[in-house]
C-alpha cells in the first residue's frame, strides 16, 4: 500500500456530541421589533464576544428573537454590546441572560430537528404543441 491511500484505520472518526448542558452554559435572548434591527444587534453581539447563535424566531406582530449561547461572561459582554447599540440607535428591544438553565428546560429551547422541504415543480410546454 502506498502512503497516500485511505484505509478504514486512518479515517478520522467524528467526536461524540457533548451533552447540551455542558456545551451551552448560558442562554441569552435579543428581541427587537423588526428584522433589520435584530440583525444589527446580533451582529454587534457576535463581534463583541465568543458566543454562538442557537436559533432565530419570528414571534409575530413584528417581534423577532434570537437565542445565543456561550459561557456566562462572554454572553454578558455580547448582550451588553447589543444593548449599547440598540440604545445608541434608538431601537426598541430587550436583552436577557439566564446563567444556568436546568437540563429539562434546554429541551424546550434547543431546536430538535431541522425541516427541509423539497419542492418538485412540474412544468408543461404550453406553446407550440398540437392539440387534437
N, C-alpha and C. Protein backbone atom coordinates (compact mmCIF):
# COMPACT_ATOMS: atom_id res chain seq x y z
N UNK A 1 0.82 -1.18 0.00
CA UNK A 1 0.00 0.00 0.00
C UNK A 1 0.87 1.25 0.00
N UNK A 2 0.48 2.24 -0.77
CA UNK A 2 1.27 3.46 -0.77
C UNK A 2 0.85 4.37 0.39
N UNK A 3 1.64 5.38 0.67
CA UNK A 3 1.42 6.23 1.84
C UNK A 3 0.17 7.09 1.72
N UNK A 4 -0.33 7.37 0.52
CA UNK A 4 -1.46 8.26 0.35
C UNK A 4 -2.81 7.57 0.35
N UNK A 5 -2.85 6.27 0.51
CA UNK A 5 -4.14 5.57 0.42
C UNK A 5 -4.95 5.75 1.70
N UNK A 6 -6.24 5.64 1.54
CA UNK A 6 -7.14 5.78 2.67
C UNK A 6 -7.65 4.41 3.04
N UNK A 7 -7.40 4.01 4.26
CA UNK A 7 -7.90 2.74 4.77
C UNK A 7 -8.80 3.03 5.96
N UNK A 8 -9.65 2.09 6.33
CA UNK A 8 -10.54 2.32 7.47
C UNK A 8 -9.82 2.67 8.76
N UNK A 9 -8.55 2.36 8.89
CA UNK A 9 -7.84 2.67 10.13
C UNK A 9 -7.35 4.11 10.20
N UNK A 10 -7.18 4.78 9.06
CA UNK A 10 -6.66 6.15 9.13
C UNK A 10 -7.71 7.21 8.81
N UNK A 11 -8.99 6.84 8.80
CA UNK A 11 -10.05 7.83 8.62
C UNK A 11 -10.41 8.40 9.98
N UNK A 12 -10.43 9.72 10.07
CA UNK A 12 -10.74 10.35 11.35
C UNK A 12 -12.22 10.18 11.68
N UNK A 13 -12.49 9.69 12.85
CA UNK A 13 -13.87 9.48 13.28
C UNK A 13 -14.39 10.75 13.95
N UNK A 14 -15.68 11.10 13.74
CA UNK A 14 -16.22 12.30 14.38
C UNK A 14 -16.25 12.14 15.89
N UNK A 15 -16.04 13.26 16.58
CA UNK A 15 -16.07 13.24 18.04
C UNK A 15 -17.52 13.12 18.51
N UNK A 16 -17.70 12.46 19.62
CA UNK A 16 -19.04 12.29 20.17
C UNK A 16 -19.58 13.63 20.63
N UNK A 17 -20.88 13.82 20.44
CA UNK A 17 -21.52 15.06 20.89
C UNK A 17 -21.50 15.14 22.41
N UNK A 18 -21.22 16.32 22.91
CA UNK A 18 -21.27 16.52 24.34
C UNK A 18 -22.70 16.81 24.77
N UNK A 19 -23.06 16.54 26.01
CA UNK A 19 -24.41 16.86 26.47
C UNK A 19 -24.68 18.35 26.33
N UNK A 20 -25.93 18.72 26.12
CA UNK A 20 -26.29 20.12 25.89
C UNK A 20 -25.93 21.02 27.06
N UNK A 21 -26.10 20.55 28.26
CA UNK A 21 -25.86 21.40 29.42
C UNK A 21 -24.39 21.78 29.51
N UNK A 22 -23.48 20.87 29.18
CA UNK A 22 -22.06 21.21 29.21
C UNK A 22 -21.66 22.06 28.02
N UNK A 23 -22.30 21.84 26.89
CA UNK A 23 -21.94 22.59 25.69
C UNK A 23 -22.48 24.01 25.77
N UNK A 24 -23.68 24.19 26.30
CA UNK A 24 -24.29 25.51 26.40
C UNK A 24 -24.43 25.86 27.88
N UNK A 25 -23.59 26.74 28.35
CA UNK A 25 -23.61 27.04 29.77
C UNK A 25 -24.58 28.15 30.13
N UNK A 26 -24.86 29.03 29.22
CA UNK A 26 -25.78 30.13 29.49
C UNK A 26 -26.63 30.37 28.25
N UNK A 27 -27.76 30.99 28.47
CA UNK A 27 -28.69 31.27 27.37
C UNK A 27 -28.99 32.76 27.37
N UNK A 28 -28.90 33.39 26.21
CA UNK A 28 -29.20 34.81 26.09
C UNK A 28 -30.23 35.05 25.01
N UNK A 29 -31.03 36.10 25.20
CA UNK A 29 -32.06 36.47 24.24
C UNK A 29 -31.84 37.91 23.79
N UNK A 30 -32.06 38.16 22.52
CA UNK A 30 -32.15 39.52 21.99
C UNK A 30 -33.47 39.59 21.25
N UNK A 31 -34.31 40.55 21.63
CA UNK A 31 -35.62 40.74 20.97
C UNK A 31 -35.73 42.17 20.48
N UNK A 32 -36.24 42.33 19.27
CA UNK A 32 -36.49 43.65 18.70
C UNK A 32 -37.78 43.63 17.90
N UNK A 33 -38.26 44.80 17.59
CA UNK A 33 -39.37 44.93 16.64
C UNK A 33 -38.75 45.19 15.28
N UNK A 34 -38.87 44.23 14.40
CA UNK A 34 -38.30 44.34 13.07
C UNK A 34 -37.08 43.45 12.91
N UNK A 35 -36.89 42.96 11.71
CA UNK A 35 -35.80 42.02 11.42
C UNK A 35 -34.46 42.74 11.27
N UNK A 36 -34.44 43.86 10.60
CA UNK A 36 -33.17 44.57 10.36
C UNK A 36 -32.50 45.02 11.66
N UNK A 37 -33.24 45.61 12.61
CA UNK A 37 -32.59 45.98 13.88
C UNK A 37 -32.07 44.76 14.64
N UNK A 38 -32.77 43.64 14.53
CA UNK A 38 -32.32 42.42 15.20
C UNK A 38 -31.00 41.94 14.61
N UNK A 39 -30.90 41.95 13.31
CA UNK A 39 -29.67 41.50 12.65
C UNK A 39 -28.50 42.39 13.06
N UNK A 40 -28.75 43.68 13.14
CA UNK A 40 -27.69 44.61 13.54
C UNK A 40 -27.26 44.37 14.99
N UNK A 41 -28.22 44.13 15.88
CA UNK A 41 -27.91 43.89 17.29
C UNK A 41 -27.17 42.56 17.47
N UNK A 42 -27.60 41.53 16.77
CA UNK A 42 -26.94 40.23 16.86
C UNK A 42 -25.53 40.31 16.29
N UNK A 43 -25.35 41.06 15.21
CA UNK A 43 -24.03 41.24 14.63
C UNK A 43 -23.08 41.88 15.64
N UNK A 44 -23.57 42.90 16.35
CA UNK A 44 -22.74 43.55 17.38
C UNK A 44 -22.41 42.58 18.50
N UNK A 45 -23.37 41.75 18.89
CA UNK A 45 -23.16 40.79 19.97
C UNK A 45 -22.12 39.75 19.60
N UNK A 46 -22.25 39.19 18.40
CA UNK A 46 -21.34 38.12 17.97
C UNK A 46 -19.92 38.65 17.77
N UNK A 47 -19.81 39.91 17.33
CA UNK A 47 -18.48 40.50 17.15
C UNK A 47 -17.83 40.87 18.48
N UNK A 48 -18.64 41.12 19.51
CA UNK A 48 -18.11 41.57 20.80
C UNK A 48 -17.53 40.43 21.63
N UNK A 49 -18.05 39.22 21.49
CA UNK A 49 -17.59 38.12 22.34
C UNK A 49 -17.77 36.79 21.61
N UNK A 50 -17.17 35.77 22.16
CA UNK A 50 -17.23 34.44 21.57
C UNK A 50 -18.52 33.74 22.02
N UNK A 51 -19.58 33.96 21.26
CA UNK A 51 -20.88 33.33 21.54
C UNK A 51 -21.39 32.68 20.26
N UNK A 52 -22.34 31.77 20.42
CA UNK A 52 -22.93 31.07 19.28
C UNK A 52 -24.40 31.43 19.16
N UNK A 53 -24.88 31.54 17.92
CA UNK A 53 -26.30 31.75 17.67
C UNK A 53 -26.97 30.39 17.70
N UNK A 54 -27.97 30.25 18.55
CA UNK A 54 -28.67 28.98 18.67
C UNK A 54 -29.85 28.91 17.72
N UNK A 55 -30.70 29.93 17.72
CA UNK A 55 -31.89 29.91 16.87
C UNK A 55 -32.41 31.33 16.69
N UNK A 56 -33.23 31.50 15.67
CA UNK A 56 -33.90 32.77 15.39
C UNK A 56 -35.38 32.49 15.25
N UNK A 57 -36.20 33.32 15.89
CA UNK A 57 -37.64 33.11 15.89
C UNK A 57 -38.37 34.38 15.46
N UNK A 58 -39.42 34.23 14.68
CA UNK A 58 -40.35 35.32 14.40
C UNK A 58 -41.56 35.06 15.28
N UNK A 59 -41.75 35.89 16.29
CA UNK A 59 -42.80 35.67 17.26
C UNK A 59 -44.15 36.10 16.71
N UNK A 60 -44.18 37.19 15.97
CA UNK A 60 -45.42 37.71 15.41
C UNK A 60 -45.56 39.19 15.72
N UNK A 61 -46.31 39.88 14.90
CA UNK A 61 -46.51 41.31 15.12
C UNK A 61 -45.23 42.11 14.99
N UNK A 62 -44.26 41.61 14.26
CA UNK A 62 -43.00 42.33 14.07
C UNK A 62 -41.94 41.98 15.09
N UNK A 63 -42.28 41.22 16.13
CA UNK A 63 -41.33 40.87 17.18
C UNK A 63 -40.46 39.70 16.73
N UNK A 64 -39.14 39.89 16.80
CA UNK A 64 -38.18 38.86 16.41
C UNK A 64 -37.25 38.58 17.58
N UNK A 65 -36.86 37.32 17.73
CA UNK A 65 -36.00 36.91 18.84
C UNK A 65 -34.87 36.04 18.31
N UNK A 66 -33.68 36.24 18.86
CA UNK A 66 -32.54 35.36 18.59
C UNK A 66 -32.04 34.87 19.94
N UNK A 67 -31.74 33.56 20.01
CA UNK A 67 -31.16 32.99 21.22
C UNK A 67 -29.67 32.74 20.96
N UNK A 68 -28.88 33.09 21.96
CA UNK A 68 -27.43 32.94 21.89
C UNK A 68 -26.96 32.05 23.03
N UNK A 69 -25.85 31.36 22.85
CA UNK A 69 -25.28 30.53 23.90
C UNK A 69 -23.80 30.79 24.03
N UNK A 70 -23.28 30.43 25.18
CA UNK A 70 -21.85 30.58 25.46
C UNK A 70 -21.64 30.61 26.95
N UNK A 71 -20.40 30.86 27.37
CA UNK A 71 -20.18 30.97 28.81
C UNK A 71 -20.76 32.28 29.31
N UNK A 72 -20.99 32.35 30.61
CA UNK A 72 -21.73 33.47 31.20
C UNK A 72 -21.04 34.81 30.93
N UNK A 73 -19.73 34.89 31.11
CA UNK A 73 -19.01 36.15 30.92
C UNK A 73 -19.06 36.64 29.48
N UNK A 74 -18.83 35.73 28.54
CA UNK A 74 -18.87 36.11 27.13
C UNK A 74 -20.26 36.54 26.71
N UNK A 75 -21.25 35.80 27.18
CA UNK A 75 -22.63 36.13 26.82
C UNK A 75 -23.05 37.47 27.40
N UNK A 76 -22.62 37.78 28.63
CA UNK A 76 -22.94 39.07 29.24
C UNK A 76 -22.30 40.19 28.42
N UNK A 77 -21.06 40.03 28.00
CA UNK A 77 -20.39 41.04 27.19
C UNK A 77 -21.09 41.22 25.84
N UNK A 78 -21.51 40.11 25.23
CA UNK A 78 -22.20 40.19 23.94
C UNK A 78 -23.54 40.90 24.08
N UNK A 79 -24.30 40.56 25.11
CA UNK A 79 -25.61 41.21 25.30
C UNK A 79 -25.46 42.68 25.66
N UNK A 80 -24.42 43.03 26.41
CA UNK A 80 -24.16 44.44 26.72
C UNK A 80 -23.84 45.22 25.45
N UNK A 81 -23.08 44.62 24.53
CA UNK A 81 -22.76 45.28 23.26
C UNK A 81 -24.02 45.47 22.42
N UNK A 82 -24.88 44.46 22.40
CA UNK A 82 -26.14 44.59 21.65
C UNK A 82 -27.03 45.66 22.26
N UNK A 83 -27.12 45.68 23.59
CA UNK A 83 -27.94 46.68 24.28
C UNK A 83 -27.41 48.09 24.03
N UNK A 84 -26.08 48.26 24.05
CA UNK A 84 -25.48 49.58 23.79
C UNK A 84 -25.80 50.05 22.38
N UNK A 85 -25.74 49.15 21.41
CA UNK A 85 -26.07 49.51 20.03
C UNK A 85 -27.54 49.91 19.92
N UNK A 86 -28.42 49.14 20.56
CA UNK A 86 -29.85 49.46 20.49
C UNK A 86 -30.15 50.80 21.15
N UNK A 87 -29.48 51.11 22.26
CA UNK A 87 -29.67 52.41 22.93
C UNK A 87 -29.17 53.56 22.07
N UNK A 88 -27.98 53.36 21.46
CA UNK A 88 -27.40 54.42 20.61
C UNK A 88 -28.28 54.74 19.43
N UNK A 89 -28.89 53.72 18.84
CA UNK A 89 -29.67 53.94 17.63
C UNK A 89 -31.17 54.08 17.89
N UNK A 90 -31.58 54.05 19.13
CA UNK A 90 -32.99 54.22 19.46
C UNK A 90 -33.85 53.03 19.05
N UNK A 91 -33.29 51.83 19.06
CA UNK A 91 -34.02 50.63 18.70
C UNK A 91 -34.75 50.10 19.93
N UNK A 92 -36.05 49.87 19.78
CA UNK A 92 -36.82 49.27 20.86
C UNK A 92 -36.52 47.78 20.89
N UNK A 93 -36.11 47.30 22.04
CA UNK A 93 -35.81 45.88 22.17
C UNK A 93 -35.33 45.57 23.55
N UNK A 94 -35.06 44.29 23.79
CA UNK A 94 -34.56 43.88 25.09
C UNK A 94 -33.54 42.78 24.95
N UNK A 95 -32.73 42.65 26.00
CA UNK A 95 -31.77 41.55 26.10
C UNK A 95 -31.99 40.89 27.44
N UNK A 96 -31.76 39.58 27.48
CA UNK A 96 -31.95 38.85 28.74
C UNK A 96 -30.95 37.71 28.80
N UNK A 97 -30.44 37.43 30.00
CA UNK A 97 -29.45 36.37 30.22
C UNK A 97 -29.94 35.42 31.30
N UNK A 98 -29.87 34.13 31.01
CA UNK A 98 -30.15 33.10 32.01
C UNK A 98 -28.84 32.33 32.20
N UNK A 99 -28.19 32.45 33.37
CA UNK A 99 -26.86 31.88 33.54
C UNK A 99 -26.79 30.36 33.50
N UNK A 100 -27.61 29.67 34.24
CA UNK A 100 -27.55 28.21 34.29
C UNK A 100 -28.96 27.68 34.13
N UNK A 101 -29.25 27.21 32.95
CA UNK A 101 -30.58 26.69 32.65
C UNK A 101 -30.66 25.23 33.07
N UNK A 102 -31.78 24.82 33.64
CA UNK A 102 -31.97 23.42 34.03
C UNK A 102 -31.95 22.52 32.79
N UNK A 103 -31.44 21.30 32.92
CA UNK A 103 -31.35 20.40 31.76
C UNK A 103 -32.69 20.15 31.07
N UNK A 104 -33.76 20.06 31.83
CA UNK A 104 -35.07 19.83 31.23
C UNK A 104 -35.55 21.03 30.42
N UNK A 105 -35.15 22.22 30.83
CA UNK A 105 -35.56 23.43 30.10
C UNK A 105 -34.80 23.54 28.79
N UNK A 106 -33.55 23.03 28.74
CA UNK A 106 -32.79 23.05 27.49
C UNK A 106 -33.54 22.33 26.39
N UNK A 107 -34.25 21.26 26.76
CA UNK A 107 -35.01 20.50 25.77
C UNK A 107 -36.09 21.35 25.11
N UNK A 108 -36.61 22.33 25.85
CA UNK A 108 -37.61 23.24 25.27
C UNK A 108 -36.98 24.24 24.32
N UNK A 109 -35.76 24.64 24.62
CA UNK A 109 -35.13 25.75 23.90
C UNK A 109 -34.41 25.29 22.64
N UNK A 110 -33.70 24.17 22.72
CA UNK A 110 -32.86 23.72 21.61
C UNK A 110 -33.74 23.12 20.52
N UNK A 111 -33.58 23.59 19.28
CA UNK A 111 -34.35 23.00 18.18
C UNK A 111 -33.96 21.54 18.00
N UNK A 112 -34.95 20.65 17.99
CA UNK A 112 -34.67 19.22 17.90
C UNK A 112 -34.34 18.79 16.49
N UNK A 113 -35.05 19.31 15.51
CA UNK A 113 -34.83 18.89 14.14
C UNK A 113 -34.83 20.09 13.22
N UNK A 114 -34.23 19.90 12.09
CA UNK A 114 -34.28 20.88 11.02
C UNK A 114 -35.15 20.29 9.92
N UNK A 115 -36.14 21.03 9.51
CA UNK A 115 -37.07 20.55 8.50
C UNK A 115 -36.62 21.06 7.14
N UNK A 116 -36.46 20.14 6.21
CA UNK A 116 -36.13 20.50 4.84
C UNK A 116 -37.31 20.15 3.96
N UNK A 117 -37.76 21.11 3.20
CA UNK A 117 -38.90 20.89 2.32
C UNK A 117 -38.37 20.86 0.89
N UNK A 118 -38.65 19.78 0.19
CA UNK A 118 -38.27 19.69 -1.21
C UNK A 118 -39.51 19.96 -2.06
N UNK A 119 -39.36 20.83 -3.00
CA UNK A 119 -40.47 21.20 -3.88
C UNK A 119 -40.17 20.69 -5.27
N UNK A 120 -41.09 19.93 -5.80
CA UNK A 120 -40.95 19.42 -7.16
C UNK A 120 -41.87 20.26 -8.05
N UNK A 121 -41.27 20.90 -9.01
CA UNK A 121 -42.02 21.77 -9.90
C UNK A 121 -42.30 21.03 -11.20
N UNK A 122 -43.56 20.94 -11.52
CA UNK A 122 -43.95 20.28 -12.77
C UNK A 122 -44.17 21.36 -13.81
N UNK A 123 -43.44 21.25 -14.88
CA UNK A 123 -43.59 22.23 -15.96
C UNK A 123 -44.22 21.55 -17.16
N UNK A 124 -44.95 22.32 -17.88
CA UNK A 124 -45.54 21.78 -19.11
C UNK A 124 -45.33 22.80 -20.22
N UNK A 125 -45.19 22.28 -21.39
CA UNK A 125 -44.99 23.14 -22.54
C UNK A 125 -46.36 23.54 -23.05
N UNK A 126 -46.63 24.83 -23.06
CA UNK A 126 -47.96 25.30 -23.47
C UNK A 126 -48.02 25.78 -24.90
N UNK A 127 -46.94 26.33 -25.36
CA UNK A 127 -46.97 26.90 -26.70
C UNK A 127 -46.24 25.98 -27.66
N UNK A 128 -46.76 25.88 -28.85
CA UNK A 128 -46.11 25.09 -29.88
C UNK A 128 -46.47 23.63 -29.84
N UNK A 129 -47.45 23.26 -29.04
CA UNK A 129 -47.87 21.86 -29.01
C UNK A 129 -49.15 21.72 -29.81
N UNK A 130 -49.32 20.57 -30.42
CA UNK A 130 -50.54 20.31 -31.18
C UNK A 130 -51.57 19.70 -30.26
N UNK A 131 -52.77 20.17 -30.39
CA UNK A 131 -53.86 19.59 -29.63
C UNK A 131 -54.82 18.94 -30.59
N UNK A 132 -55.27 17.79 -30.25
CA UNK A 132 -56.20 17.10 -31.16
C UNK A 132 -57.61 17.12 -30.64
